Amino acid sequence: MSLTDIEGFRVGHATDEGALTGCTVIVPPTNNVTAVEVRGAAPGSRDLALLAPGMTVRSVDAILLTGGSAFGLAAADGVVTELERRGVGHPVPHGVVPIVPGAVIYDLMVGDPAIRPGPDMGREALLAADDGPVPLGRVGAGAGATVAKWRGELIPAGVGGASVTVGEIIVAALAVTNAVGDVFTLEGESLTGGPPVPEPMATPVDPLANTTLVVVATNGTISREDLGRVLVRSHDALAVTIRPAHTGADGDTVFAVCTGEKEADNEMVAAAAFVAVGRAIESSVRDHNR
């Protein structure tokens, strides 16, 4: 279960299994409304300012999640170029400009640090995008994801997914978990062996070497301003399931997308987002291929 439970969403991965890196492209339906919130102190990102309240562009054409740290943002060039070739993007006098915000995880400490996602891999992930079940585990942007680094561990994680249905409203989430912290269930069960209450970090952690990325989506009708409540509850779920979270060495970033198919109460969607995001983060540890 993940984003493709919502009609119109497509998701594709490109993975370099030898280098343990990759990228994931999420293609939402047209006329979506998208917002973002960053709470980690060490993010790597592209075009997030477009998604703030009051900005002119309301919809995105794709979202890129990628490994490779800041180098991996180059994968967006392949997505943008291919979308332009298809005529997809924000209309301008001389054609279209595809809107492709992106965010990165740092996975250079595993696999081959000299190999990072680039334009070819971004295009590959876009071409692979479909509306079928989303492959989970150590694929795409989660190929080199690890957790529990605050304890000096590198426990494999990856891509996770979940969805929640309330009447006609669907709230779904995809998570790439690459955190300083350990992972827990929403009920508090440790999935990676860490203590429920982390001690002060005994092991120095690279301040740029982590980050959890989430895309949460709904088929409900919600304004960009009201998506702020969805983002708050999504980050609440991140803080419950990853301990510690939102550290100075994480770049934790959550995108929220609504498709506007059904009338929805934003507080109900926000509550469902808490569950969907939490379960997706659990899944990112449970569903990877060790």
C-alpha atoms as a PDB file:
ATOM      1  CA  MET A   1       0.000   0.000   0.000  1.00  0.00           C
ATOM      2  CA  SER A   2       1.281   3.451  -0.864  1.00  0.00           C
ATOM      3  CA  LEU A   3       0.660   6.511  -3.025  1.00  0.00           C
ATOM      4  CA  THR A   4      -0.766   4.607  -5.997  1.00  0.00           C
ATOM      5  CA  ASP A   5      -3.763   3.695  -3.863  1.00  0.00           C
ATOM      6  CA  ILE A   6      -4.893   7.196  -4.853  1.00  0.00           C
ATOM      7  CA  GLU A   7      -6.135   7.379  -8.436  1.00  0.00           C
ATOM      8  CA  GLY A   8      -3.812   9.208 -10.794  1.00  0.00           C
ATOM      9  CA  PHE A   9      -0.561   8.763  -8.865  1.00  0.00           C
ATOM     10  CA  ARG A  10       2.393   7.076 -10.532  1.00  0.00           C
ATOM     11  CA  VAL A  11       5.680   6.128  -8.865  1.00  0.00           C
ATOM     12  CA  GLY A  12       8.929   4.944 -10.425  1.00  0.00           C
ATOM     13  CA  HIS A  13      12.343   3.944  -9.100  1.00  0.00           C
ATOM     14  CA  ALA A  14      15.811   3.813 -10.611  1.00  0.00           C
ATOM     15  CA  THR A  15      18.345   1.817  -8.587  1.00  0.00           C
ATOM     16  CA  ASP A  16      22.081   1.187  -8.812  1.00  0.00           C
ATOM     17  CA  GLU A  17      22.312  -1.967  -6.711  1.00  0.00           C
ATOM     18  CA  GLY A  18      26.105  -2.034  -6.817  1.00  0.00           C
ATOM     19  CA  ALA A  19      26.589   1.546  -5.686  1.00  0.00           C
ATOM     20  CA  LEU A  20      23.647   1.357  -3.246  1.00  0.00           C
ATOM     21  CA  THR A  21      21.998   4.529  -4.430  1.00  0.00           C
ATOM     22  CA  GLY A  22      19.084   5.586  -6.593  1.00  0.00           C
ATOM     23  CA  CYS A  23      16.149   7.910  -6.992  1.00  0.00           C
ATOM     24  CA  THR A  24      12.371   7.815  -6.878  1.00  0.00           C
ATOM     25  CA  VAL A  25       9.996   9.946  -8.929  1.00  0.00           C
ATOM     26  CA  ILE A  26       6.405  10.575  -7.834  1.00  0.00           C
ATOM     27  CA  VAL A  27       4.051  11.838 -10.550  1.00  0.00           C
ATOM     28  CA  PRO A  28       0.786  13.163  -9.096  1.00  0.00           C
ATOM     29  CA  PRO A  29      -2.390  13.908 -11.056  1.00  0.00           C
ATOM     30  CA  THR A  30      -2.606  17.279 -12.767  1.00  0.00           C
ATOM     31  CA  ASN A  31      -4.173  20.205 -10.909  1.00  0.00           C
ATOM     32  CA  ASN A  32      -2.863  18.949  -7.597  1.00  0.00           C
ATOM     33  CA  VAL A  33      -2.103  21.251  -4.673  1.00  0.00           C
ATOM     34  CA  THR A  34       1.256  20.615  -3.038  1.00  0.00           C
ATOM     35  CA  ALA A  35       2.979  21.964   0.065  1.00  0.00           C
ATOM     36  CA  VAL A  36       6.154  21.111   1.983  1.00  0.00           C
ATOM     37  CA  GLU A  37       7.651  21.464   5.445  1.00  0.00           C
ATOM     38  CA  VAL A  38      11.281  20.939   6.485  1.00  0.00           C
ATOM     39  CA  ARG A  39      12.077  20.309  10.154  1.00  0.00           C
ATOM     40  CA  GLY A  40      15.522  18.754   9.983  1.00  0.00           C
ATOM     41  CA  ALA A  41      18.422  21.202  10.180  1.00  0.00           C
ATOM     42  CA  ALA A  42      20.502  19.716   7.332  1.00  0.00           C
ATOM     43  CA  PRO A  43      18.282  19.461   4.232  1.00  0.00           C
ATOM     44  CA  GLY A  44      19.311  19.189   0.602  1.00  0.00           C
ATOM     45  CA  SER A  45      16.570  20.356  -1.717  1.00  0.00           C
ATOM     46  CA  ARG A  46      15.428  21.944  -4.972  1.00  0.00           C
ATOM     47  CA  ASP A  47      12.584  24.402  -5.645  1.00  0.00           C
ATOM     48  CA  LEU A  48      10.906  24.066  -2.245  1.00  0.00           C
ATOM     49  CA  ALA A  49      10.222  27.811  -2.073  1.00  0.00           C
ATOM     50  CA  LEU A  50       7.640  27.351  -4.840  1.00  0.00           C
ATOM     51  CA  LEU A  51       5.506  25.318  -2.438  1.00  0.00           C
ATOM     52  CA  ALA A  52       5.042  27.965   0.254  1.00  0.00           C
ATOM     53  CA  PRO A  53       1.630  29.552   0.876  1.00  0.00           C
ATOM     54  CA  GLY A  54       0.991  32.530  -1.395  1.00  0.00           C
ATOM     55  CA  MET A  55       3.205  31.377  -4.242  1.00  0.00           C
ATOM     56  CA  THR A  56       1.890  31.562  -7.810  1.00  0.00           C
ATOM     57  CA  VAL A  57       2.404  27.937  -8.842  1.00  0.00           C
ATOM     58  CA  ARG A  58       0.043  25.602  -6.963  1.00  0.00           C
ATOM     59  CA  SER A  59       0.693  22.263  -8.682  1.00  0.00           C
ATOM     60  CA  VAL A  60       3.791  20.166  -9.266  1.00  0.00           C
ATOM     61  CA  ASP A  61       4.485  17.932 -12.250  1.00  0.00           C
ATOM     62  CA  ALA A  62       6.661  15.484 -10.322  1.00  0.00           C
ATOM     63  CA  ILE A  63       8.531  15.138  -7.025  1.00  0.00           C
ATOM     64  CA  LEU A  64      12.072  13.768  -6.932  1.00  0.00           C
ATOM     65  CA  LEU A  65      13.426  11.889  -3.916  1.00  0.00           C
ATOM     66  CA  THR A  66      17.046  10.918  -4.396  1.00  0.00           C
ATOM     67  CA  GLY A  67      20.200   9.575  -2.875  1.00  0.00           C
ATOM     68  CA  GLY A  68      23.608  11.075  -3.536  1.00  0.00           C
ATOM     69  CA  SER A  69      23.306  14.059  -1.201  1.00  0.00           C
ATOM     70  CA  ALA A  70      23.402  17.412  -3.026  1.00  0.00           C
ATOM     71  CA  PHE A  71      25.000  15.712  -6.047  1.00  0.00           C
ATOM     72  CA  GLY A  72      21.817  13.664  -6.493  1.00  0.00           C
ATOM     73  CA  LEU A  73      19.757  16.760  -7.204  1.00  0.00           C
ATOM     74  CA  ALA A  74      21.185  16.537 -10.723  1.00  0.00           C
ATOM     75  CA  ALA A  75      18.695  13.703 -11.299  1.00  0.00           C
ATOM     76  CA  ALA A  76      15.961  16.346 -11.474  1.00  0.00           C
ATOM     77  CA  ASP A  77      17.448  17.586 -14.752  1.00  0.00           C
ATOM     78  CA  GLY A  78      16.547  14.294 -16.425  1.00  0.00           C
ATOM     79  CA  VAL A  79      13.008  14.464 -15.064  1.00  0.00           C
ATOM     80  CA  VAL A  80      12.539  18.065 -16.191  1.00  0.00           C
ATOM     81  CA  THR A  81      13.923  17.404 -19.666  1.00  0.00           C
ATOM     82  CA  GLU A  82      11.710  14.378 -20.244  1.00  0.00           C
ATOM     83  CA  LEU A  83       8.604  16.185 -18.978  1.00  0.00           C
ATOM     84  CA  GLU A  84       9.367  19.124 -21.263  1.00  0.00           C
ATOM     85  CA  ARG A  85       9.686  16.707 -24.180  1.00  0.00           C
ATOM     86  CA  ARG A  86       6.173  15.479 -23.347  1.00  0.00           C
ATOM     87  CA  GLY A  87       4.820  19.028 -23.134  1.00  0.00           C
ATOM     88  CA  VAL A  88       4.170  18.725 -19.406  1.00  0.00           C
ATOM     89  CA  GLY A  89       4.800  21.746 -17.220  1.00  0.00           C
ATOM     90  CA  HIS A  90       3.748  25.249 -16.224  1.00  0.00           C
ATOM     91  CA  PRO A  91       2.770  27.144 -19.398  1.00  0.00           C
ATOM     92  CA  VAL A  92       5.062  29.983 -20.417  1.00  0.00           C
ATOM     93  CA  PRO A  93       5.140  32.023 -23.668  1.00  0.00           C
ATOM     94  CA  HIS A  94       7.738  29.769 -25.258  1.00  0.00           C
ATOM     95  CA  GLY A  95       6.551  26.354 -24.073  1.00  0.00           C
ATOM     96  CA  VAL A  96       6.402  24.802 -20.614  1.00  0.00           C
ATOM     97  CA  VAL A  97       8.552  24.762 -17.482  1.00  0.00           C
ATOM     98  CA  PRO A  98       8.138  21.483 -15.563  1.00  0.00           C
ATOM     99  CA  ILE A  99       7.791  21.998 -11.807  1.00  0.00           C
ATOM    100  CA  VAL A 100       9.864  19.293 -10.099  1.00  0.00           C
ATOM    101  CA  PRO A 101      10.769  19.961  -6.461  1.00  0.00           C
ATOM    102  CA  GLY A 102      13.202  17.508  -4.944  1.00  0.00           C
ATOM    103  CA  ALA A 103      14.954  16.471  -1.772  1.00  0.00           C
ATOM    104  CA  VAL A 104      17.939  14.262  -1.005  1.00  0.00           C
ATOM    105  CA  ILE A 105      19.231  11.755   1.485  1.00  0.00           C
ATOM    106  CA  TYR A 106      22.915  11.287   2.217  1.00  0.00           C
ATOM    107  CA  ASP A 107      23.905   7.713   1.326  1.00  0.00           C
ATOM    108  CA  LEU A 108      27.543   8.261   0.330  1.00  0.00           C
ATOM    109  CA  MET A 109      28.842   6.280   3.342  1.00  0.00           C
ATOM    110  CA  VAL A 110      27.540   3.022   1.830  1.00  0.00           C
ATOM    111  CA  GLY A 111      28.129   1.525  -1.601  1.00  0.00           C
ATOM    112  CA  ASP A 112      30.284   3.551  -4.004  1.00  0.00           C
ATOM    113  CA  PRO A 113      30.404   7.243  -3.007  1.00  0.00           C
ATOM    114  CA  ALA A 114      31.675   8.214  -6.457  1.00  0.00           C
ATOM    115  CA  ILE A 115      28.416   7.099  -8.100  1.00  0.00           C
ATOM    116  CA  ARG A 116      25.432   9.407  -7.550  1.00  0.00           C
ATOM    117  CA  PRO A 117      22.065   9.737  -9.277  1.00  0.00           C
ATOM    118  CA  GLY A 118      22.229  12.042 -12.287  1.00  0.00           C
ATOM    119  CA  PRO A 119      20.002  13.095 -15.184  1.00  0.00           C
ATOM    120  CA  ASP A 120      19.971   9.638 -16.797  1.00  0.00           C
ATOM    121  CA  MET A 121      18.836   7.995 -13.579  1.00  0.00           C
ATOM    122  CA  GLY A 122      16.174  10.648 -13.005  1.00  0.00           C
ATOM    123  CA  ARG A 123      14.794  10.061 -16.496  1.00  0.00           C
ATOM    124  CA  GLU A 124      14.908   6.294 -15.908  1.00  0.00           C
ATOM    125  CA  ALA A 125      12.838   6.647 -12.730  1.00  0.00           C
ATOM    126  CA  LEU A 126      10.293   8.835 -14.519  1.00  0.00           C
ATOM    127  CA  LEU A 127      10.006   6.356 -17.399  1.00  0.00           C
ATOM    128  CA  ALA A 128       9.475   3.559 -14.855  1.00  0.00           C
ATOM    129  CA  ALA A 129       6.645   5.413 -13.102  1.00  0.00           C
ATOM    130  CA  ASP A 130       3.311   3.597 -13.206  1.00  0.00           C
ATOM    131  CA  ASP A 131       0.161   3.220 -11.115  1.00  0.00           C
ATOM    132  CA  GLY A 132       0.849  -0.336  -9.968  1.00  0.00           C
ATOM    133  CA  PRO A 133       1.905  -1.431  -6.478  1.00  0.00           C
ATOM    134  CA  VAL A 134       4.943   0.573  -5.402  1.00  0.00           C
ATOM    135  CA  PRO A 135       8.068  -1.559  -4.922  1.00  0.00           C
ATOM    136  CA  LEU A 136       9.268  -1.133  -1.345  1.00  0.00           C
ATOM    137  CA  GLY A 137      12.548  -1.827   0.405  1.00  0.00           C
ATOM    138  CA  ARG A 138      16.073  -1.047  -0.745  1.00  0.00           C
ATOM    139  CA  VAL A 139      15.081   0.444  -4.076  1.00  0.00           C
ATOM    140  CA  GLY A 140      15.171   3.906  -5.619  1.00  0.00           C
ATOM    141  CA  ALA A 141      16.004   6.659  -3.178  1.00  0.00           C
ATOM    142  CA  GLY A 142      16.051   4.096  -0.371  1.00  0.00           C
ATOM    143  CA  ALA A 143      18.717   1.823  -1.894  1.00  0.00           C
ATOM    144  CA  GLY A 144      21.396   3.070   0.496  1.00  0.00           C
ATOM    145  CA  ALA A 145      19.232   4.185   3.411  1.00  0.00           C
ATOM    146  CA  THR A 146      20.353   3.368   6.947  1.00  0.00           C
ATOM    147  CA  VAL A 147      19.232   4.239  10.474  1.00  0.00           C
ATOM    148  CA  ALA A 148      20.419   4.175  14.107  1.00  0.00           C
ATOM    149  CA  LYS A 149      23.535   6.230  13.425  1.00  0.00           C
ATOM    150  CA  TRP A 150      23.282   8.023  16.763  1.00  0.00           C
ATOM    151  CA  ARG A 151      24.392   4.699  18.314  1.00  0.00           C
ATOM    152  CA  GLY A 152      27.186   4.171  15.807  1.00  0.00           C
ATOM    153  CA  GLU A 153      25.116   1.664  13.777  1.00  0.00           C
ATOM    154  CA  LEU A 154      24.242   1.522  10.066  1.00  0.00           C
ATOM    155  CA  ILE A 155      21.073  -0.596  10.105  1.00  0.00           C
ATOM    156  CA  PRO A 156      19.556  -0.987   6.616  1.00  0.00           C
ATOM    157  CA  ALA A 157      16.250   0.734   5.917  1.00  0.00           C
ATOM    158  CA  GLY A 158      14.684   1.798   2.620  1.00  0.00           C
ATOM    159  CA  VAL A 159      11.397   2.864   1.022  1.00  0.00           C
ATOM    160  CA  GLY A 160       8.178   2.219   2.919  1.00  0.00           C
ATOM    161  CA  GLY A 161       4.536   2.776   2.113  1.00  0.00           C
ATOM    162  CA  ALA A 162       1.108   2.775   3.740  1.00  0.00           C
ATOM    163  CA  SER A 163      -2.407   4.112   3.234  1.00  0.00           C
ATOM    164  CA  VAL A 164      -5.470   4.822   5.367  1.00  0.00           C
ATOM    165  CA  THR A 165      -9.071   5.009   4.142  1.00  0.00           C
ATOM    166  CA  VAL A 166     -11.812   6.950   5.953  1.00  0.00           C
ATOM    167  CA  GLY A 167     -15.064   6.707   4.001  1.00  0.00           C
ATOM    168  CA  GLU A 168     -14.267   7.974   0.512  1.00  0.00           C
ATOM    169  CA  ILE A 169     -11.085   9.724   1.620  1.00  0.00           C
ATOM    170  CA  ILE A 170      -7.729   8.027   1.086  1.00  0.00           C
ATOM    171  CA  VAL A 171      -4.537   9.253   2.736  1.00  0.00           C
ATOM    172  CA  ALA A 172      -1.367   7.505   1.591  1.00  0.00           C
ATOM    173  CA  ALA A 173       2.319   7.940   2.308  1.00  0.00           C
ATOM    174  CA  LEU A 174       5.706   6.956   0.924  1.00  0.00           C
ATOM    175  CA  ALA A 175       8.758   7.301   3.173  1.00  0.00           C
ATOM    176  CA  VAL A 176      12.503   7.057   2.579  1.00  0.00           C
ATOM    177  CA  THR A 177      14.005   6.558   6.033  1.00  0.00           C
ATOM    178  CA  ASN A 178      17.691   7.438   6.399  1.00  0.00           C
ATOM    179  CA  ALA A 179      17.790   8.716   9.940  1.00  0.00           C
ATOM    180  CA  VAL A 180      20.136   9.494  12.789  1.00  0.00           C
ATOM    181  CA  GLY A 181      17.566   7.817  15.023  1.00  0.00           C
ATOM    182  CA  ASP A 182      16.155   4.349  15.576  1.00  0.00           C
ATOM    183  CA  VAL A 183      12.766   3.316  14.184  1.00  0.00           C
ATOM    184  CA  PHE A 184       9.738   2.428  16.320  1.00  0.00           C
ATOM    185  CA  THR A 185       6.144   1.517  15.615  1.00  0.00           C
ATOM    186  CA  LEU A 186       3.444   4.053  16.387  1.00  0.00           C
ATOM    187  CA  GLU A 187       2.688   1.911  19.435  1.00  0.00           C
ATOM    188  CA  GLY A 188       6.279   2.265  20.672  1.00  0.00           C
ATOM    189  CA  GLU A 189       7.801  -1.110  19.722  1.00  0.00           C
ATOM    190  CA  SER A 190      11.464  -0.809  18.753  1.00  0.00           C
ATOM    191  CA  LEU A 191      12.106  -2.134  15.236  1.00  0.00           C
ATOM    192  CA  THR A 192      15.855  -1.486  15.174  1.00  0.00           C
ATOM    193  CA  GLY A 193      16.922  -2.191  18.734  1.00  0.00           C
ATOM    194  CA  GLY A 194      17.181   1.324  20.082  1.00  0.00           C
ATOM    195  CA  PRO A 195      15.915   2.456  23.501  1.00  0.00           C
ATOM    196  CA  PRO A 196      12.542   4.245  23.680  1.00  0.00           C
ATOM    197  CA  VAL A 197      14.183   7.316  25.214  1.00  0.00           C
ATOM    198  CA  PRO A 198      17.492   8.064  23.474  1.00  0.00           C
ATOM    199  CA  GLU A 199      20.444   9.091  25.606  1.00  0.00           C
ATOM    200  CA  PRO A 200      22.541  12.077  24.564  1.00  0.00           C
ATOM    201  CA  MET A 201      24.467  11.097  21.438  1.00  0.00           C
ATOM    202  CA  ALA A 202      27.623   9.273  22.458  1.00  0.00           C
ATOM    203  CA  THR A 203      28.865   8.905  18.881  1.00  0.00           C
ATOM    204  CA  PRO A 204      29.637  11.958  16.741  1.00  0.00           C
ATOM    205  CA  VAL A 205      27.234  12.012  13.800  1.00  0.00           C
ATOM    206  CA  ASP A 206      28.083  13.582  10.445  1.00  0.00           C
ATOM    207  CA  PRO A 207      25.866  16.695  10.394  1.00  0.00           C
ATOM    208  CA  LEU A 208      24.952  16.163   6.720  1.00  0.00           C
ATOM    209  CA  ALA A 209      24.754  12.371   6.519  1.00  0.00           C
ATOM    210  CA  ASN A 210      21.131  11.457   7.112  1.00  0.00           C
ATOM    211  CA  THR A 211      17.517  12.598   6.392  1.00  0.00           C
ATOM    212  CA  THR A 212      14.043  11.090   6.168  1.00  0.00           C
ATOM    213  CA  LEU A 213      11.877  12.080   3.204  1.00  0.00           C
ATOM    214  CA  VAL A 214       8.100  11.628   3.068  1.00  0.00           C
ATOM    215  CA  VAL A 215       5.397  12.246   0.477  1.00  0.00           C
ATOM    216  CA  VAL A 216       1.893  12.112   1.963  1.00  0.00           C
ATOM    217  CA  ALA A 217      -1.126  12.477  -0.303  1.00  0.00           C
ATOM    218  CA  THR A 218      -4.902  12.527  -0.240  1.00  0.00           C
ATOM    219  CA  ASN A 219      -7.743  12.522  -2.735  1.00  0.00           C
ATOM    220  CA  GLY A 220      -9.432  15.168  -0.609  1.00  0.00           C
ATOM    221  CA  THR A 221      -9.885  18.851  -1.409  1.00  0.00           C
ATOM    222  CA  ILE A 222      -7.573  20.922   0.791  1.00  0.00           C
ATOM    223  CA  SER A 223      -6.009  24.348   0.248  1.00  0.00           C
ATOM    224  CA  ARG A 224      -2.249  24.805   0.385  1.00  0.00           C
ATOM    225  CA  GLU A 225      -2.700  26.767   3.603  1.00  0.00           C
ATOM    226  CA  ASP A 226      -4.729  23.979   5.227  1.00  0.00           C
ATOM    227  CA  LEU A 227      -2.200  21.394   4.100  1.00  0.00           C
ATOM    228  CA  GLY A 228      -0.078  22.940   6.838  1.00  0.00           C
ATOM    229  CA  ARG A 229      -2.064  20.972   9.408  1.00  0.00           C
ATOM    230  CA  VAL A 230      -1.451  17.776   7.443  1.00  0.00           C
ATOM    231  CA  LEU A 231       2.264  18.546   7.430  1.00  0.00           C
ATOM    232  CA  VAL A 232       2.301  19.154  11.183  1.00  0.00           C
ATOM    233  CA  ARG A 233       0.679  15.799  11.938  1.00  0.00           C
ATOM    234  CA  SER A 234       2.936  14.059   9.428  1.00  0.00           C
ATOM    235  CA  HIS A 235       6.005  15.418  11.179  1.00  0.00           C
ATOM    236  CA  ASP A 236       4.438  14.382  14.500  1.00  0.00           C
ATOM    237  CA  ALA A 237       4.367  10.807  13.177  1.00  0.00           C
ATOM    238  CA  LEU A 238       7.985  11.111  12.091  1.00  0.00           C
ATOM    239  CA  ALA A 239       8.941  12.205  15.608  1.00  0.00           C
ATOM    240  CA  VAL A 240       7.031   9.310  17.196  1.00  0.00           C
ATOM    241  CA  THR A 241       8.490   6.611  14.947  1.00  0.00           C
ATOM    242  CA  ILE A 242      12.070   7.929  14.676  1.00  0.00           C
ATOM    243  CA  ARG A 243      13.932   8.645  17.910  1.00  0.00           C
ATOM    244  CA  PRO A 244      15.688  11.048  17.932  1.00  0.00           C
ATOM    245  CA  ALA A 245      14.182  12.929  14.972  1.00  0.00           C
ATOM    246  CA  HIS A 246      14.536  16.403  13.459  1.00  0.00           C
ATOM    247  CA  THR A 247      18.124  16.606  14.643  1.00  0.00           C
ATOM    248  CA  GLY A 248      20.847  18.937  13.462  1.00  0.00           C
ATOM    249  CA  ALA A 249      22.190  16.045  11.393  1.00  0.00           C
ATOM    250  CA  ASP A 250      18.872  15.255   9.640  1.00  0.00           C
ATOM    251  CA  GLY A 251      17.157  17.128   6.817  1.00  0.00           C
ATOM    252  CA  ASP A 252      13.683  15.721   7.487  1.00  0.00           C
ATOM    253  CA  THR A 253      11.315  16.901   4.751  1.00  0.00           C
ATOM    254  CA  VAL A 254       7.623  16.123   4.169  1.00  0.00           C
ATOM    255  CA  PHE A 255       5.673  16.921   0.992  1.00  0.00           C
ATOM    256  CA  ALA A 256       1.867  16.948   1.122  1.00  0.00           C
ATOM    257  CA  VAL A 257      -0.216  16.593  -2.048  1.00  0.00           C
ATOM    258  CA  CYS A 258      -3.980  16.723  -2.509  1.00  0.00           C
ATOM    259  CA  THR A 259      -5.824  15.842  -5.706  1.00  0.00           C
ATOM    260  CA  GLY A 260      -9.179  17.482  -4.926  1.00  0.00           C
ATOM    261  CA  GLU A 261     -11.447  14.600  -5.918  1.00  0.00           C
ATOM    262  CA  LYS A 262     -13.522  14.490  -2.727  1.00  0.00           C
ATOM    263  CA  GLU A 263     -14.630  17.027  -0.175  1.00  0.00           C
ATOM    264  CA  ALA A 264     -12.608  16.499   2.983  1.00  0.00           C
ATOM    265  CA  ASP A 265     -12.109  17.935   6.446  1.00  0.00           C
ATOM    266  CA  ASN A 266      -8.465  18.870   6.828  1.00  0.00           C
ATOM    267  CA  GLU A 267      -8.324  17.855  10.504  1.00  0.00           C
ATOM    268  CA  MET A 268      -9.581  14.376   9.594  1.00  0.00           C
ATOM    269  CA  VAL A 269      -7.035  14.159   6.795  1.00  0.00           C
ATOM    270  CA  ALA A 270      -4.319  15.335   9.175  1.00  0.00           C
ATOM    271  CA  ALA A 271      -5.223  12.631  11.679  1.00  0.00           C
ATOM    272  CA  ALA A 272      -5.144   9.993   8.947  1.00  0.00           C
ATOM    273  CA  ALA A 273      -1.803  11.364   7.739  1.00  0.00           C
ATOM    274  CA  PHE A 274      -0.333  10.738  11.182  1.00  0.00           C
ATOM    275  CA  VAL A 275      -1.194   7.056  10.855  1.00  0.00           C
ATOM    276  CA  ALA A 276      -0.202   6.706   7.187  1.00  0.00           C
ATOM    277  CA  VAL A 277       3.184   8.360   7.674  1.00  0.00           C
ATOM    278  CA  GLY A 278       3.916   6.381  10.823  1.00  0.00           C
ATOM    279  CA  ARG A 279       3.059   3.084   9.140  1.00  0.00           C
ATOM    280  CA  ALA A 280       5.112   4.025   6.062  1.00  0.00           C
ATOM    281  CA  ILE A 281       8.170   4.644   8.235  1.00  0.00           C
ATOM    282  CA  GLU A 282       7.610   1.305   9.991  1.00  0.00           C
ATOM    283  CA  SER A 283       7.354  -0.307   6.549  1.00  0.00           C
ATOM    284  CA  SER A 284      10.648   1.253   5.442  1.00  0.00           C
ATOM    285  CA  VAL A 285      12.420  -0.974   7.974  1.00  0.00           C
ATOM    286  CA  ARG A 286      10.177  -4.038   7.803  1.00  0.00           C
ATOM    287  CA  ASP A 287       9.907  -4.306   4.020  1.00  0.00           C
ATOM    288  CA  HIS A 288      13.503  -3.879   2.891  1.00  0.00           C
ATOM    289  CA  ASN A 289      15.556  -6.731   1.451  1.00  0.00           C
ATOM    290  CA  ARG A 290      18.458  -7.419   3.794  1.00  0.00           C
END
